[in-house]
Structures are given as C-alpha cells and as structure tokens.
PDB file of N, CA and C in Angstrom:
ATOM      1  N   MET A   1     -25.345   4.944  10.144  1.00  0.00           N
ATOM      2  CA  MET A   1     -24.246   5.499  10.910  1.00  0.00           C
ATOM      3  C   MET A   1     -24.299   4.996  12.351  1.00  0.00           C
ATOM      4  N   ALA A   2     -25.472   4.954  12.928  1.00  0.00           N
ATOM      5  CA  ALA A   2     -25.602   4.470  14.301  1.00  0.00           C
ATOM      6  C   ALA A   2     -25.166   3.026  14.403  1.00  0.00           C
ATOM      7  N   ARG A   3     -25.400   2.258  13.341  1.00  0.00           N
ATOM      8  CA  ARG A   3     -24.985   0.862  13.321  1.00  0.00           C
ATOM      9  C   ARG A   3     -23.465   0.760  13.402  1.00  0.00           C
ATOM     10  N   LEU A   4     -22.761   1.653  12.735  1.00  0.00           N
ATOM     11  CA  LEU A   4     -21.300   1.658  12.792  1.00  0.00           C
ATOM     12  C   LEU A   4     -20.805   2.064  14.177  1.00  0.00           C
ATOM     13  N   ASP A   5     -21.462   3.010  14.780  1.00  0.00           N
ATOM     14  CA  ASP A   5     -21.041   3.501  16.091  1.00  0.00           C
ATOM     15  C   ASP A   5     -21.130   2.429  17.169  1.00  0.00           C
ATOM     16  N   ARG A   6     -21.997   1.463  16.973  1.00  0.00           N
ATOM     17  CA  ARG A   6     -22.169   0.379  17.962  1.00  0.00           C
ATOM     18  C   ARG A   6     -21.125  -0.727  17.816  1.00  0.00           C
ATOM     19  N   LEU A   7     -20.246  -0.612  16.842  1.00  0.00           N
ATOM     20  CA  LEU A   7     -19.282  -1.676  16.579  1.00  0.00           C
ATOM     21  C   LEU A   7     -18.073  -1.690  17.503  1.00  0.00           C
ATOM     22  N   GLY A   8     -17.862  -0.614  18.227  1.00  0.00           N
ATOM     23  CA  GLY A   8     -16.695  -0.548  19.094  1.00  0.00           C
ATOM     24  C   GLY A   8     -15.413  -0.554  18.278  1.00  0.00           C
ATOM     25  N   PRO A   9     -14.421  -1.359  18.662  1.00  0.00           N
ATOM     26  CA  PRO A   9     -13.144  -1.384  17.956  1.00  0.00           C
ATOM     27  C   PRO A   9     -13.243  -1.840  16.501  1.00  0.00           C
ATOM     28  N   ALA A  10     -14.279  -2.570  16.159  1.00  0.00           N
ATOM     29  CA  ALA A  10     -14.464  -3.029  14.791  1.00  0.00           C
ATOM     30  C   ALA A  10     -14.784  -1.883  13.851  1.00  0.00           C
ATOM     31  N   LYS A  11     -15.243  -0.757  14.387  1.00  0.00           N
ATOM     32  CA  LYS A  11     -15.582   0.392  13.549  1.00  0.00           C
ATOM     33  C   LYS A  11     -14.365   0.883  12.781  1.00  0.00           C
ATOM     34  N   GLU A  12     -13.220   0.971  13.455  1.00  0.00           N
ATOM     35  CA  GLU A  12     -12.021   1.449  12.776  1.00  0.00           C
ATOM     36  C   GLU A  12     -11.575   0.457  11.696  1.00  0.00           C
ATOM     37  N   VAL A  13     -11.749  -0.818  11.940  1.00  0.00           N
ATOM     38  CA  VAL A  13     -11.372  -1.830  10.966  1.00  0.00           C
ATOM     39  C   VAL A  13     -12.248  -1.686   9.722  1.00  0.00           C
ATOM     40  N   VAL A  14     -13.544  -1.515   9.902  1.00  0.00           N
ATOM     41  CA  VAL A  14     -14.435  -1.359   8.741  1.00  0.00           C
ATOM     42  C   VAL A  14     -14.135  -0.049   7.999  1.00  0.00           C
ATOM     43  N   GLN A  15     -13.727   0.985   8.714  1.00  0.00           N
ATOM     44  CA  GLN A  15     -13.377   2.230   8.061  1.00  0.00           C
ATOM     45  C   GLN A  15     -12.110   2.089   7.233  1.00  0.00           C
ATOM     46  N   VAL A  16     -11.139   1.381   7.747  1.00  0.00           N
ATOM     47  CA  VAL A  16      -9.909   1.141   6.986  1.00  0.00           C
ATOM     48  C   VAL A  16     -10.241   0.320   5.745  1.00  0.00           C
ATOM     49  N   GLY A  17     -11.082  -0.683   5.907  1.00  0.00           N
ATOM     50  CA  GLY A  17     -11.514  -1.469   4.755  1.00  0.00           C
ATOM     51  C   GLY A  17     -12.215  -0.621   3.723  1.00  0.00           C
ATOM     52  N   ALA A  18     -13.011   0.340   4.171  1.00  0.00           N
ATOM     53  CA  ALA A  18     -13.722   1.244   3.245  1.00  0.00           C
ATOM     54  C   ALA A  18     -12.742   2.091   2.454  1.00  0.00           C
ATOM     55  N   VAL A  19     -11.662   2.488   3.068  1.00  0.00           N
ATOM     56  CA  VAL A  19     -10.649   3.267   2.341  1.00  0.00           C
ATOM     57  C   VAL A  19      -9.991   2.398   1.273  1.00  0.00           C
ATOM     58  N   ILE A  20      -9.735   1.153   1.589  1.00  0.00           N
ATOM     59  CA  ILE A  20      -9.081   0.259   0.638  1.00  0.00           C
ATOM     60  C   ILE A  20      -9.992   0.008  -0.561  1.00  0.00           C
ATOM     61  N   GLY A  21     -11.276  -0.199  -0.330  1.00  0.00           N
ATOM     62  CA  GLY A  21     -12.200  -0.408  -1.434  1.00  0.00           C
ATOM     63  C   GLY A  21     -13.324  -1.348  -1.078  1.00  0.00           C
ATOM     64  N   SER A  22     -14.143  -1.689  -2.072  1.00  0.00           N
ATOM     65  CA  SER A  22     -15.284  -2.542  -1.799  1.00  0.00           C
ATOM     66  C   SER A  22     -14.873  -3.974  -1.514  1.00  0.00           C
ATOM     67  N   GLU A  23     -13.678  -4.359  -1.917  1.00  0.00           N
ATOM     68  CA  GLU A  23     -13.132  -5.660  -1.632  1.00  0.00           C
ATOM     69  C   GLU A  23     -11.683  -5.470  -1.162  1.00  0.00           C
ATOM     70  N   PHE A  24     -11.298  -6.198  -0.126  1.00  0.00           N
ATOM     71  CA  PHE A  24      -9.951  -6.047   0.402  1.00  0.00           C
ATOM     72  C   PHE A  24      -9.476  -7.348   0.999  1.00  0.00           C
ATOM     73  N   SER A  25      -8.164  -7.508   1.029  1.00  0.00           N
ATOM     74  CA  SER A  25      -7.586  -8.728   1.568  1.00  0.00           C
ATOM     75  C   SER A  25      -7.188  -8.505   3.039  1.00  0.00           C
ATOM     76  N   TYR A  26      -7.137  -9.605   3.762  1.00  0.00           N
ATOM     77  CA  TYR A  26      -6.672  -9.563   5.155  1.00  0.00           C
ATOM     78  C   TYR A  26      -5.261  -9.004   5.200  1.00  0.00           C
ATOM     79  N   GLU A  27      -4.450  -9.451   4.281  1.00  0.00           N
ATOM     80  CA  GLU A  27      -3.047  -9.038   4.222  1.00  0.00           C
ATOM     81  C   GLU A  27      -2.900  -7.523   4.069  1.00  0.00           C
ATOM     82  N   LEU A  28      -3.656  -6.934   3.149  1.00  0.00           N
ATOM     83  CA  LEU A  28      -3.573  -5.486   2.949  1.00  0.00           C
ATOM     84  C   LEU A  28      -4.170  -4.730   4.139  1.00  0.00           C
ATOM     85  N   LEU A  29      -5.278  -5.221   4.655  1.00  0.00           N
ATOM     86  CA  LEU A  29      -5.886  -4.579   5.813  1.00  0.00           C
ATOM     87  C   LEU A  29      -4.906  -4.573   6.979  1.00  0.00           C
ATOM     88  N   HIS A  30      -4.240  -5.675   7.203  1.00  0.00           N
ATOM     89  CA  HIS A  30      -3.280  -5.765   8.294  1.00  0.00           C
ATOM     90  C   HIS A  30      -2.078  -4.865   8.040  1.00  0.00           C
ATOM     91  N   ALA A  31      -1.671  -4.703   6.788  1.00  0.00           N
ATOM     92  CA  ALA A  31      -0.547  -3.814   6.444  1.00  0.00           C
ATOM     93  C   ALA A  31      -0.912  -2.352   6.722  1.00  0.00           C
ATOM     94  N   VAL A  32      -2.144  -1.997   6.463  1.00  0.00           N
ATOM     95  CA  VAL A  32      -2.618  -0.599   6.659  1.00  0.00           C
ATOM     96  C   VAL A  32      -2.946  -0.341   8.113  1.00  0.00           C
ATOM     97  N   HIS A  33      -3.506  -1.317   8.776  1.00  0.00           N
ATOM     98  CA  HIS A  33      -3.975  -1.166  10.160  1.00  0.00           C
ATOM     99  C   HIS A  33      -3.445  -2.317  10.990  1.00  0.00           C
ATOM    100  N   PRO A  34      -2.178  -2.261  11.393  1.00  0.00           N
ATOM    101  CA  PRO A  34      -1.541  -3.404  12.053  1.00  0.00           C
ATOM    102  C   PRO A  34      -1.987  -3.625  13.498  1.00  0.00           C
ATOM    103  N   LEU A  35      -3.124  -4.259  13.630  1.00  0.00           N
ATOM    104  CA  LEU A  35      -3.615  -4.674  14.944  1.00  0.00           C
ATOM    105  C   LEU A  35      -3.013  -6.012  15.310  1.00  0.00           C
ATOM    106  N   ASP A  36      -3.076  -6.341  16.566  1.00  0.00           N
ATOM    107  CA  ASP A  36      -2.751  -7.674  17.027  1.00  0.00           C
ATOM    108  C   ASP A  36      -3.614  -8.663  16.261  1.00  0.00           C
ATOM    109  N   GLU A  37      -3.039  -9.792  15.885  1.00  0.00           N
ATOM    110  CA  GLU A  37      -3.736 -10.803  15.084  1.00  0.00           C
ATOM    111  C   GLU A  37      -5.093 -11.185  15.665  1.00  0.00           C
ATOM    112  N   THR A  38      -5.135 -11.400  16.960  1.00  0.00           N
ATOM    113  CA  THR A  38      -6.382 -11.798  17.637  1.00  0.00           C
ATOM    114  C   THR A  38      -7.418 -10.675  17.550  1.00  0.00           C
ATOM    115  N   GLU A  39      -6.994  -9.454  17.807  1.00  0.00           N
ATOM    116  CA  GLU A  39      -7.924  -8.320  17.735  1.00  0.00           C
ATOM    117  C   GLU A  39      -8.474  -8.121  16.339  1.00  0.00           C
ATOM    118  N   MET A  40      -7.587  -8.256  15.339  1.00  0.00           N
ATOM    119  CA  MET A  40      -8.019  -8.077  13.941  1.00  0.00           C
ATOM    120  C   MET A  40      -9.049  -9.132  13.571  1.00  0.00           C
ATOM    121  N   GLN A  41      -8.775 -10.379  13.883  1.00  0.00           N
ATOM    122  CA  GLN A  41      -9.699 -11.446  13.523  1.00  0.00           C
ATOM    123  C   GLN A  41     -11.020 -11.325  14.284  1.00  0.00           C
ATOM    124  N   GLU A  42     -10.949 -10.887  15.534  1.00  0.00           N
ATOM    125  CA  GLU A  42     -12.177 -10.667  16.323  1.00  0.00           C
ATOM    126  C   GLU A  42     -13.021  -9.551  15.703  1.00  0.00           C
ATOM    127  N   ALA A  43     -12.373  -8.464  15.305  1.00  0.00           N
ATOM    128  CA  ALA A  43     -13.103  -7.352  14.681  1.00  0.00           C
ATOM    129  C   ALA A  43     -13.732  -7.780  13.361  1.00  0.00           C
ATOM    130  N   LEU A  44     -12.990  -8.514  12.551  1.00  0.00           N
ATOM    131  CA  LEU A  44     -13.534  -8.985  11.268  1.00  0.00           C
ATOM    132  C   LEU A  44     -14.667  -9.968  11.478  1.00  0.00           C
ATOM    133  N   ARG A  45     -14.539 -10.829  12.485  1.00  0.00           N
ATOM    134  CA  ARG A  45     -15.617 -11.774  12.808  1.00  0.00           C
ATOM    135  C   ARG A  45     -16.891 -11.020  13.227  1.00  0.00           C
ATOM    136  N   ARG A  46     -16.702  -9.965  14.012  1.00  0.00           N
ATOM    137  CA  ARG A  46     -17.847  -9.157  14.450  1.00  0.00           C
ATOM    138  C   ARG A  46     -18.521  -8.490  13.235  1.00  0.00           C
ATOM    139  N   LEU A  47     -17.730  -7.969  12.326  1.00  0.00           N
ATOM    140  CA  LEU A  47     -18.293  -7.330  11.126  1.00  0.00           C
ATOM    141  C   LEU A  47     -19.051  -8.325  10.273  1.00  0.00           C
ATOM    142  N   ALA A  48     -18.540  -9.545  10.185  1.00  0.00           N
ATOM    143  CA  ALA A  48     -19.238 -10.590   9.442  1.00  0.00           C
ATOM    144  C   ALA A  48     -20.509 -11.019  10.162  1.00  0.00           C
ATOM    145  N   ASP A  49     -20.442 -11.121  11.495  1.00  0.00           N
ATOM    146  CA  ASP A  49     -21.601 -11.531  12.286  1.00  0.00           C
ATOM    147  C   ASP A  49     -22.759 -10.548  12.180  1.00  0.00           C
ATOM    148  N   VAL A  50     -22.448  -9.258  12.075  1.00  0.00           N
ATOM    149  CA  VAL A  50     -23.512  -8.264  11.938  1.00  0.00           C
ATOM    150  C   VAL A  50     -23.820  -7.977  10.474  1.00  0.00           C
ATOM    151  N   GLU A  51     -23.246  -8.813   9.604  1.00  0.00           N
ATOM    152  CA  GLU A  51     -23.525  -8.812   8.170  1.00  0.00           C
ATOM    153  C   GLU A  51     -23.184  -7.486   7.483  1.00  0.00           C
ATOM    154  N   LEU A  52     -22.041  -6.898   7.849  1.00  0.00           N
ATOM    155  CA  LEU A  52     -21.563  -5.702   7.137  1.00  0.00           C
ATOM    156  C   LEU A  52     -20.580  -6.103   6.045  1.00  0.00           C
ATOM    157  N   ILE A  53     -19.900  -7.226   6.239  1.00  0.00           N
ATOM    158  CA  ILE A  53     -18.956  -7.736   5.236  1.00  0.00           C
ATOM    159  C   ILE A  53     -19.199  -9.213   5.017  1.00  0.00           C
ATOM    160  N   TYR A  54     -18.785  -9.680   3.835  1.00  0.00           N
ATOM    161  CA  TYR A  54     -18.757 -11.110   3.526  1.00  0.00           C
ATOM    162  C   TYR A  54     -17.303 -11.577   3.607  1.00  0.00           C
ATOM    163  N   VAL A  55     -17.105 -12.770   4.096  1.00  0.00           N
ATOM    164  CA  VAL A  55     -15.771 -13.352   4.209  1.00  0.00           C
ATOM    165  C   VAL A  55     -15.589 -14.424   3.151  1.00  0.00           C
ATOM    166  N   HIS A  56     -14.458 -14.367   2.459  1.00  0.00           N
ATOM    167  CA  HIS A  56     -14.108 -15.368   1.440  1.00  0.00           C
ATOM    168  C   HIS A  56     -12.772 -15.966   1.832  1.00  0.00           C
ATOM    169  N   GLY A  57     -12.785 -17.152   2.380  1.00  0.00           N
ATOM    170  CA  GLY A  57     -11.547 -17.819   2.771  1.00  0.00           C
ATOM    171  C   GLY A  57     -11.297 -17.709   4.265  1.00  0.00           C
ATOM    172  N   ILE A  58     -10.099 -18.106   4.665  1.00  0.00           N
ATOM    173  CA  ILE A  58      -9.706 -18.112   6.076  1.00  0.00           C
ATOM    174  C   ILE A  58      -8.477 -17.236   6.244  1.00  0.00           C
ATOM    175  N   ALA A  59      -8.517 -16.369   7.251  1.00  0.00           N
ATOM    176  CA  ALA A  59      -7.391 -15.464   7.514  1.00  0.00           C
ATOM    177  C   ALA A  59      -6.149 -16.274   7.801  1.00  0.00           C
ATOM    178  N   PRO A  60      -5.025 -15.903   7.367  1.00  0.00           N
ATOM    179  CA  PRO A  60      -4.643 -14.628   6.755  1.00  0.00           C
ATOM    180  C   PRO A  60      -4.761 -14.608   5.243  1.00  0.00           C
ATOM    181  N   GLU A  61      -5.306 -15.640   4.614  1.00  0.00           N
ATOM    182  CA  GLU A  61      -5.502 -15.634   3.167  1.00  0.00           C
ATOM    183  C   GLU A  61      -6.879 -15.154   2.765  1.00  0.00           C
ATOM    184  N   ALA A  62      -7.674 -14.691   3.712  1.00  0.00           N
ATOM    185  CA  ALA A  62      -9.072 -14.311   3.428  1.00  0.00           C
ATOM    186  C   ALA A  62      -9.174 -12.994   2.671  1.00  0.00           C
ATOM    187  N   ASN A  63     -10.267 -12.871   1.965  1.00  0.00           N
ATOM    188  CA  ASN A  63     -10.661 -11.629   1.316  1.00  0.00           C
ATOM    189  C   ASN A  63     -12.031 -11.261   1.856  1.00  0.00           C
ATOM    190  N   TYR A  64     -12.321  -9.970   1.847  1.00  0.00           N
ATOM    191  CA  TYR A  64     -13.559  -9.455   2.404  1.00  0.00           C
ATOM    192  C   TYR A  64     -14.225  -8.533   1.407  1.00  0.00           C
ATOM    193  N   THR A  65     -15.539  -8.582   1.381  1.00  0.00           N
ATOM    194  CA  THR A  65     -16.346  -7.747   0.499  1.00  0.00           C
ATOM    195  C   THR A  65     -17.424  -7.088   1.343  1.00  0.00           C
ATOM    196  N   PHE A  66     -17.644  -5.798   1.102  1.00  0.00           N
ATOM    197  CA  PHE A  66     -18.738  -5.115   1.794  1.00  0.00           C
ATOM    198  C   PHE A  66     -20.062  -5.663   1.279  1.00  0.00           C
ATOM    199  N   LYS A  67     -20.999  -5.886   2.190  1.00  0.00           N
ATOM    200  CA  LYS A  67     -22.298  -6.411   1.821  1.00  0.00           C
ATOM    201  C   LYS A  67     -23.021  -5.430   0.906  1.00  0.00           C
ATOM    202  N   HIS A  68     -22.856  -4.155   1.171  1.00  0.00           N
ATOM    203  CA  HIS A  68     -23.568  -3.148   0.388  1.00  0.00           C
ATOM    204  C   HIS A  68     -22.693  -1.897   0.240  1.00  0.00           C
ATOM    205  N   ALA A  69     -22.757  -1.275  -0.887  1.00  0.00           N
ATOM    206  CA  ALA A  69     -21.967  -0.056  -1.138  1.00  0.00           C
ATOM    207  C   ALA A  69     -22.331   1.062  -0.151  1.00  0.00           C
ATOM    208  N   LEU A  70     -23.574   1.096   0.314  1.00  0.00           N
ATOM    209  CA  LEU A  70     -23.971   2.147   1.260  1.00  0.00           C
ATOM    210  C   LEU A  70     -23.258   1.975   2.601  1.00  0.00           C
ATOM    211  N   VAL A  71     -22.998   0.741   2.987  1.00  0.00           N
ATOM    212  CA  VAL A  71     -22.253   0.482   4.238  1.00  0.00           C
ATOM    213  C   VAL A  71     -20.828   1.001   4.080  1.00  0.00           C
ATOM    214  N   ARG A  72     -20.206   0.660   2.944  1.00  0.00           N
ATOM    215  CA  ARG A  72     -18.844   1.129   2.675  1.00  0.00           C
ATOM    216  C   ARG A  72     -18.793   2.649   2.636  1.00  0.00           C
ATOM    217  N   ASP A  73     -19.750   3.257   1.976  1.00  0.00           N
ATOM    218  CA  ASP A  73     -19.772   4.713   1.875  1.00  0.00           C
ATOM    219  C   ASP A  73     -19.970   5.375   3.242  1.00  0.00           C
ATOM    220  N   ALA A  74     -20.825   4.817   4.060  1.00  0.00           N
ATOM    221  CA  ALA A  74     -21.059   5.384   5.402  1.00  0.00           C
ATOM    222  C   ALA A  74     -19.795   5.284   6.252  1.00  0.00           C
ATOM    223  N   ALA A  75     -19.129   4.148   6.183  1.00  0.00           N
ATOM    224  CA  ALA A  75     -17.886   3.967   6.954  1.00  0.00           C
ATOM    225  C   ALA A  75     -16.814   4.941   6.461  1.00  0.00           C
ATOM    226  N   TYR A  76     -16.722   5.120   5.154  1.00  0.00           N
ATOM    227  CA  TYR A  76     -15.731   6.009   4.551  1.00  0.00           C
ATOM    228  C   TYR A  76     -16.015   7.464   4.933  1.00  0.00           C
ATOM    229  N   GLU A  77     -17.243   7.871   4.792  1.00  0.00           N
ATOM    230  CA  GLU A  77     -17.611   9.273   5.060  1.00  0.00           C
ATOM    231  C   GLU A  77     -17.523   9.634   6.545  1.00  0.00           C
ATOM    232  N   ALA A  78     -17.543   8.643   7.417  1.00  0.00           N
ATOM    233  CA  ALA A  78     -17.469   8.918   8.849  1.00  0.00           C
ATOM    234  C   ALA A  78     -16.044   9.276   9.285  1.00  0.00           C
ATOM    235  N   LEU A  79     -15.077   9.054   8.395  1.00  0.00           N
ATOM    236  CA  LEU A  79     -13.678   9.396   8.717  1.00  0.00           C
ATOM    237  C   LEU A  79     -13.426  10.888   8.507  1.00  0.00           C
ATOM    238  N   LEU A  80     -12.603  11.460   9.355  1.00  0.00           N
ATOM    239  CA  LEU A  80     -12.155  12.824   9.129  1.00  0.00           C
ATOM    240  C   LEU A  80     -11.293  12.839   7.862  1.00  0.00           C
ATOM    241  N   LYS A  81     -11.351  13.936   7.147  1.00  0.00           N
ATOM    242  CA  LYS A  81     -10.625  14.030   5.894  1.00  0.00           C
ATOM    243  C   LYS A  81      -9.117  13.802   6.089  1.00  0.00           C
ATOM    244  N   SER A  82      -8.556  14.320   7.175  1.00  0.00           N
ATOM    245  CA  SER A  82      -7.136  14.135   7.426  1.00  0.00           C
ATOM    246  C   SER A  82      -6.816  12.643   7.672  1.00  0.00           C
ATOM    247  N   ARG A  83      -7.690  11.957   8.367  1.00  0.00           N
ATOM    248  CA  ARG A  83      -7.489  10.523   8.621  1.00  0.00           C
ATOM    249  C   ARG A  83      -7.621   9.741   7.326  1.00  0.00           C
ATOM    250  N   ARG A  84      -8.567  10.137   6.476  1.00  0.00           N
ATOM    251  CA  ARG A  84      -8.733   9.475   5.171  1.00  0.00           C
ATOM    252  C   ARG A  84      -7.450   9.582   4.348  1.00  0.00           C
ATOM    253  N   LYS A  85      -6.896  10.786   4.325  1.00  0.00           N
ATOM    254  CA  LYS A  85      -5.657  10.998   3.565  1.00  0.00           C
ATOM    255  C   LYS A  85      -4.546  10.106   4.069  1.00  0.00           C
ATOM    256  N   GLU A  86      -4.425  10.027   5.380  1.00  0.00           N
ATOM    257  CA  GLU A  86      -3.394   9.186   5.995  1.00  0.00           C
ATOM    258  C   GLU A  86      -3.625   7.718   5.644  1.00  0.00           C
ATOM    259  N   LEU A  87      -4.859   7.252   5.718  1.00  0.00           N
ATOM    260  CA  LEU A  87      -5.166   5.865   5.386  1.00  0.00           C
ATOM    261  C   LEU A  87      -4.936   5.573   3.908  1.00  0.00           C
ATOM    262  N   HIS A  88      -5.231   6.527   3.043  1.00  0.00           N
ATOM    263  CA  HIS A  88      -4.949   6.341   1.614  1.00  0.00           C
ATOM    264  C   HIS A  88      -3.452   6.186   1.392  1.00  0.00           C
ATOM    265  N   ARG A  89      -2.668   7.001   2.078  1.00  0.00           N
ATOM    266  CA  ARG A  89      -1.209   6.922   1.960  1.00  0.00           C
ATOM    267  C   ARG A  89      -0.736   5.535   2.413  1.00  0.00           C
ATOM    268  N   LEU A  90      -1.249   5.095   3.566  1.00  0.00           N
ATOM    269  CA  LEU A  90      -0.879   3.789   4.086  1.00  0.00           C
ATOM    270  C   LEU A  90      -1.317   2.651   3.155  1.00  0.00           C
ATOM    271  N   ALA A  91      -2.500   2.806   2.572  1.00  0.00           N
ATOM    272  CA  ALA A  91      -3.001   1.790   1.630  1.00  0.00           C
ATOM    273  C   ALA A  91      -2.142   1.717   0.380  1.00  0.00           C
ATOM    274  N   ARG A  92      -1.698   2.869  -0.133  1.00  0.00           N
ATOM    275  CA  ARG A  92      -0.813   2.868  -1.292  1.00  0.00           C
ATOM    276  C   ARG A  92       0.488   2.139  -0.958  1.00  0.00           C
ATOM    277  N   ASN A  93       1.052   2.465   0.213  1.00  0.00           N
ATOM    278  CA  ASN A  93       2.306   1.821   0.636  1.00  0.00           C
ATOM    279  C   ASN A  93       2.087   0.334   0.878  1.00  0.00           C
ATOM    280  N   GLY A  94       0.983  -0.020   1.503  1.00  0.00           N
ATOM    281  CA  GLY A  94       0.679  -1.413   1.775  1.00  0.00           C
ATOM    282  C   GLY A  94       0.449  -2.206   0.496  1.00  0.00           C
ATOM    283  N   GLN A  95      -0.160  -1.571  -0.479  1.00  0.00           N
ATOM    284  CA  GLN A  95      -0.449  -2.234  -1.756  1.00  0.00           C
ATOM    285  C   GLN A  95       0.847  -2.666  -2.438  1.00  0.00           C
ATOM    286  N   LYS A  96       1.898  -1.906  -2.229  1.00  0.00           N
ATOM    287  CA  LYS A  96       3.195  -2.226  -2.830  1.00  0.00           C
ATOM    288  C   LYS A  96       3.816  -3.461  -2.178  1.00  0.00           C
ATOM    289  N   GLN A  97       3.408  -3.761  -0.947  1.00  0.00           N
ATOM    290  CA  GLN A  97       4.014  -4.846  -0.184  1.00  0.00           C
ATOM    291  C   GLN A  97       3.263  -6.160  -0.266  1.00  0.00           C
ATOM    292  N   VAL A  98       2.020  -6.120  -0.696  1.00  0.00           N
ATOM    293  CA  VAL A  98       1.205  -7.351  -0.733  1.00  0.00           C
ATOM    294  C   VAL A  98       0.783  -7.632  -2.164  1.00  0.00           C
ATOM    295  N   LYS A  99       0.415  -8.889  -2.402  1.00  0.00           N
ATOM    296  CA  LYS A  99      -0.074  -9.252  -3.725  1.00  0.00           C
ATOM    297  C   LYS A  99      -1.400  -8.552  -3.980  1.00  0.00           C
ATOM    298  N   PRO A 100      -1.594  -8.000  -5.155  1.00  0.00           N
ATOM    299  CA  PRO A 100      -2.805  -7.216  -5.419  1.00  0.00           C
ATOM    300  C   PRO A 100      -4.048  -8.095  -5.502  1.00  0.00           C
ATOM    301  N   LEU A 101      -5.123  -7.541  -4.924  1.00  0.00           N
ATOM    302  CA  LEU A 101      -6.438  -8.145  -5.040  1.00  0.00           C
ATOM    303  C   LEU A 101      -7.282  -7.263  -5.964  1.00  0.00           C
ATOM    304  N   VAL A 102      -7.404  -6.033  -5.567  1.00  0.00           N
ATOM    305  CA  VAL A 102      -8.099  -5.014  -6.352  1.00  0.00           C
ATOM    306  C   VAL A 102      -7.344  -3.706  -6.159  1.00  0.00           C
ATOM    307  N   PRO A 103      -7.498  -2.756  -7.098  1.00  0.00           N
ATOM    308  CA  PRO A 103      -6.799  -1.484  -6.914  1.00  0.00           C
ATOM    309  C   PRO A 103      -7.378  -0.687  -5.755  1.00  0.00           C
ATOM    310  N   VAL A 104      -6.531   0.093  -5.137  1.00  0.00           N
ATOM    311  CA  VAL A 104      -6.978   1.016  -4.094  1.00  0.00           C
ATOM    312  C   VAL A 104      -7.794   2.088  -4.785  1.00  0.00           C
ATOM    313  N   THR A 105      -8.961   2.387  -4.251  1.00  0.00           N
ATOM    314  CA  THR A 105      -9.855   3.348  -4.877  1.00  0.00           C
ATOM    315  C   THR A 105     -10.113   4.521  -3.942  1.00  0.00           C
ATOM    316  N   ARG A 106     -11.094   5.327  -4.296  1.00  0.00           N
ATOM    317  CA  ARG A 106     -11.553   6.426  -3.466  1.00  0.00           C
ATOM    318  C   ARG A 106     -10.646   7.644  -3.529  1.00  0.00           C
ATOM    319  N   SER A 107     -10.124   7.970  -4.691  1.00  0.00           N
ATOM    320  CA  SER A 107      -9.221   9.096  -4.799  1.00  0.00           C
ATOM    321  C   SER A 107      -9.949  10.438  -4.910  1.00  0.00           C
ATOM    322  N   LYS A 108     -11.273  10.448  -5.042  1.00  0.00           N
ATOM    323  CA  LYS A 108     -12.003  11.691  -5.270  1.00  0.00           C
ATOM    324  C   LYS A 108     -11.779  12.739  -4.182  1.00  0.00           C
ATOM    325  N   ASP A 109     -11.544  12.322  -2.940  1.00  0.00           N
ATOM    326  CA  ASP A 109     -11.367  13.270  -1.860  1.00  0.00           C
ATOM    327  C   ASP A 109      -9.924  13.724  -1.681  1.00  0.00           C
ATOM    328  N   LEU A 110      -9.047  13.205  -2.510  1.00  0.00           N
ATOM    329  CA  LEU A 110      -7.643  13.520  -2.324  1.00  0.00           C
ATOM    330  C   LEU A 110      -7.083  14.536  -3.306  1.00  0.00           C
ATOM    331  N   GLY A 111      -7.912  15.015  -4.220  1.00  0.00           N
ATOM    332  CA  GLY A 111      -7.441  16.000  -5.170  1.00  0.00           C
ATOM    333  C   GLY A 111      -6.328  15.451  -6.017  1.00  0.00           C
ATOM    334  N   ASP A 112      -5.190  16.099  -6.000  1.00  0.00           N
ATOM    335  CA  ASP A 112      -4.043  15.682  -6.831  1.00  0.00           C
ATOM    336  C   ASP A 112      -3.389  14.415  -6.331  1.00  0.00           C
ATOM    337  N   GLU A 113      -3.709  14.003  -5.136  1.00  0.00           N
ATOM    338  CA  GLU A 113      -3.088  12.813  -4.579  1.00  0.00           C
ATOM    339  C   GLU A 113      -3.894  11.577  -4.906  1.00  0.00           C
ATOM    340  N   ALA A 114      -4.110  11.330  -6.185  1.00  0.00           N
ATOM    341  CA  ALA A 114      -4.887  10.156  -6.594  1.00  0.00           C
ATOM    342  C   ALA A 114      -4.196   8.909  -6.084  1.00  0.00           C
ATOM    343  N   CYS A 115      -4.989   7.962  -5.647  1.00  0.00           N
ATOM    344  CA  CYS A 115      -4.398   6.777  -5.060  1.00  0.00           C
ATOM    345  C   CYS A 115      -4.791   5.499  -5.785  1.00  0.00           C
ATOM    346  N   ALA A 116      -5.496   5.597  -6.891  1.00  0.00           N
ATOM    347  CA  ALA A 116      -5.826   4.374  -7.617  1.00  0.00           C
ATOM    348  C   ALA A 116      -4.546   3.862  -8.286  1.00  0.00           C
ATOM    349  N   LEU A 117      -4.357   2.565  -8.188  1.00  0.00           N
ATOM    350  CA  LEU A 117      -3.128   1.968  -8.753  1.00  0.00           C
ATOM    351  C   LEU A 117      -3.417   1.427 -10.116  1.00  0.00           C
TER     352      LEU A 117
END
C-alpha cells in the first residue's frame, strides 16, 4: 500500500486499471479516466518503471497487465466503495465504446450491479 501511495498522480491511473481488470487497454483506460494524453502516458510509464505493470505495444494501441495480482488487489481495495462503483459504471460504458480486450471484472463488490460483460 505504501508503494502505491508514493506514485502520486499515477496512483489513480493504476486504481482505474485495477477496476478494469488484470489486463486493460490504453483505449479503455483513457475512456474511463480521460486524462491529458501526456499525463496518461507519463503515469503509465511511471507504473512500468516501478514494475507494477507490464506494457505490451505502444500507446494508444498498447495493452497493460498487472505484474502481480496482489498489486491489482491492493490498488482496487484502496478505492472507496462509492468511487469503485462509479469506476465500474464508467468501465461498462467505456467497454461499449472500445474494441474488447478482456471483460470488465470485479463485480463482487457491486451486489446486483454485476459488471462482467
């Protein structure tokens, strides 16, 4: 958790990625969390540099994978439940707009609002 807290602005990016799932595309991440292109790429580069995620390809066609499920879980659990629900809603909407990579997961905390596609 302390490792996530030291990430600065990249912390929110990794948390959004955690809501999307263990693997996520740049396109979906940007749809859910629309940062300035430069800020988004800088945050993702920082996450890769500290070895929290693996990068496959070059943005905006890149895909990202969490290095370890525990990292993804820690980032996910650090979110407030209300923020998680909002991000799940945004991820569902974003998934409809981009080509699918993997289904949106993590519906266990949403009760009846399952978000797996």
